[in-house]
């Protein structure tokens, strides 16, 4: 990866409006006053044996957890000094 004199992620957080690409940017008329696109960073999770119904049901159950419970779990994770490979999710999550 290239070493940059700035942190691109921090810049994106501080100036999200700068990420917007004007509509019509590459047309003869030039940039228009509407958002044509916004670059995004996405992620994909892969699960072992995801083709099995019981695994799919377990993954879906993760999304049924109330938000306050997820935020409490996140707070506990952030309080841990160092996460290791042995860190596991509680049964509910």
Protein backbone atom coordinates (compact mmCIF):
# COMPACT_ATOMS: atom_id res chain seq x y z
CA UNK A 1 0.00 0.00 0.00
CA UNK A 2 1.16 3.55 -0.65
CA UNK A 3 2.28 5.63 2.33
CA UNK A 4 0.33 8.88 2.27
CA UNK A 5 1.10 12.07 4.22
CA UNK A 6 -2.55 12.06 5.41
CA UNK A 7 -5.13 9.59 6.64
CA UNK A 8 -7.75 9.13 3.87
CA UNK A 9 -10.26 7.52 6.25
CA UNK A 10 -10.04 10.46 8.64
CA UNK A 11 -10.54 12.87 5.72
CA UNK A 12 -13.63 10.94 4.58
CA UNK A 13 -15.05 11.10 8.10
CA UNK A 14 -14.39 14.82 8.46
CA UNK A 15 -15.59 15.82 4.96
CA UNK A 16 -18.22 13.32 3.70
CA UNK A 17 -19.68 15.94 1.36
CA UNK A 18 -16.41 15.96 -0.60
CA UNK A 19 -17.03 12.32 -1.54
CA UNK A 20 -20.02 13.22 -3.70
CA UNK A 21 -19.45 13.12 -7.44
CA UNK A 22 -21.67 15.63 -9.30
CA UNK A 23 -24.13 14.25 -11.82
CA UNK A 24 -23.20 14.69 -15.47
CA UNK A 25 -19.53 15.17 -14.61
CA UNK A 26 -18.31 13.41 -17.74
CA UNK A 27 -20.95 14.72 -20.16
CA UNK A 28 -20.60 17.58 -22.65
CA UNK A 29 -22.72 19.82 -20.41
CA UNK A 30 -20.38 19.21 -17.48
CA UNK A 31 -21.19 18.87 -13.78
CA UNK A 32 -24.85 19.30 -12.81
CA UNK A 33 -26.39 20.27 -9.48
CA UNK A 34 -27.26 16.77 -8.27
CA UNK A 35 -25.32 13.90 -6.76
CA UNK A 36 -24.35 11.45 -9.47
CA UNK A 37 -22.61 8.97 -7.20
CA UNK A 38 -20.99 8.56 -3.82
CA UNK A 39 -18.08 6.15 -3.45
CA UNK A 40 -18.62 3.63 -0.67
CA UNK A 41 -16.61 1.04 1.16
CA UNK A 42 -18.45 -2.24 1.55
CA UNK A 43 -17.62 -5.50 3.20
CA UNK A 44 -18.72 -9.07 2.79
CA UNK A 45 -18.90 -11.65 5.52
CA UNK A 46 -18.31 -15.28 4.67
CA UNK A 47 -19.53 -18.07 6.91
CA UNK A 48 -18.34 -21.65 6.90
CA UNK A 49 -21.09 -23.96 5.65
CA UNK A 50 -23.33 -20.98 4.79
CA UNK A 51 -25.27 -23.21 2.40
CA UNK A 52 -26.72 -25.14 5.33
CA UNK A 53 -30.15 -24.04 6.61
CA UNK A 54 -29.08 -24.11 10.28
CA UNK A 55 -26.14 -21.79 9.58
CA UNK A 56 -28.33 -19.39 7.65
CA UNK A 57 -30.85 -19.36 10.49
CA UNK A 58 -28.08 -18.62 13.01
CA UNK A 59 -26.82 -15.71 10.89
CA UNK A 60 -30.35 -14.32 10.55
CA UNK A 61 -30.79 -14.58 14.32
CA UNK A 62 -27.89 -12.14 14.73
CA UNK A 63 -29.94 -9.46 13.02
CA UNK A 64 -32.86 -9.99 15.39
CA UNK A 65 -30.89 -8.70 18.39
CA UNK A 66 -32.22 -5.38 19.78
CA UNK A 67 -29.99 -2.38 19.07
CA UNK A 68 -29.39 -1.57 22.75
CA UNK A 69 -28.07 -5.10 23.30
CA UNK A 70 -25.71 -4.76 20.32
CA UNK A 71 -24.44 -1.39 21.55
CA UNK A 72 -23.75 -2.82 25.02
CA UNK A 73 -21.80 -5.69 23.43
CA UNK A 74 -19.88 -3.22 21.25
CA UNK A 75 -19.00 -1.17 24.34
CA UNK A 76 -17.66 -4.27 26.07
CA UNK A 77 -15.52 -5.09 23.01
CA UNK A 78 -14.08 -1.58 22.93
CA UNK A 79 -13.26 -1.79 26.64
CA UNK A 80 -11.18 -4.94 26.17
CA UNK A 81 -7.46 -4.10 26.04
CA UNK A 82 -6.73 -6.41 23.12
CA UNK A 83 -8.94 -8.72 21.12
CA UNK A 84 -7.52 -12.12 20.30
CA UNK A 85 -8.57 -14.95 18.06
CA UNK A 86 -9.99 -16.65 21.13
CA UNK A 87 -12.50 -13.83 21.70
CA UNK A 88 -15.94 -15.26 21.04
CA UNK A 89 -19.41 -13.88 20.70
CA UNK A 90 -21.82 -14.53 23.56
CA UNK A 91 -24.53 -17.11 22.91
CA UNK A 92 -27.13 -14.39 22.28
CA UNK A 93 -25.09 -12.71 19.55
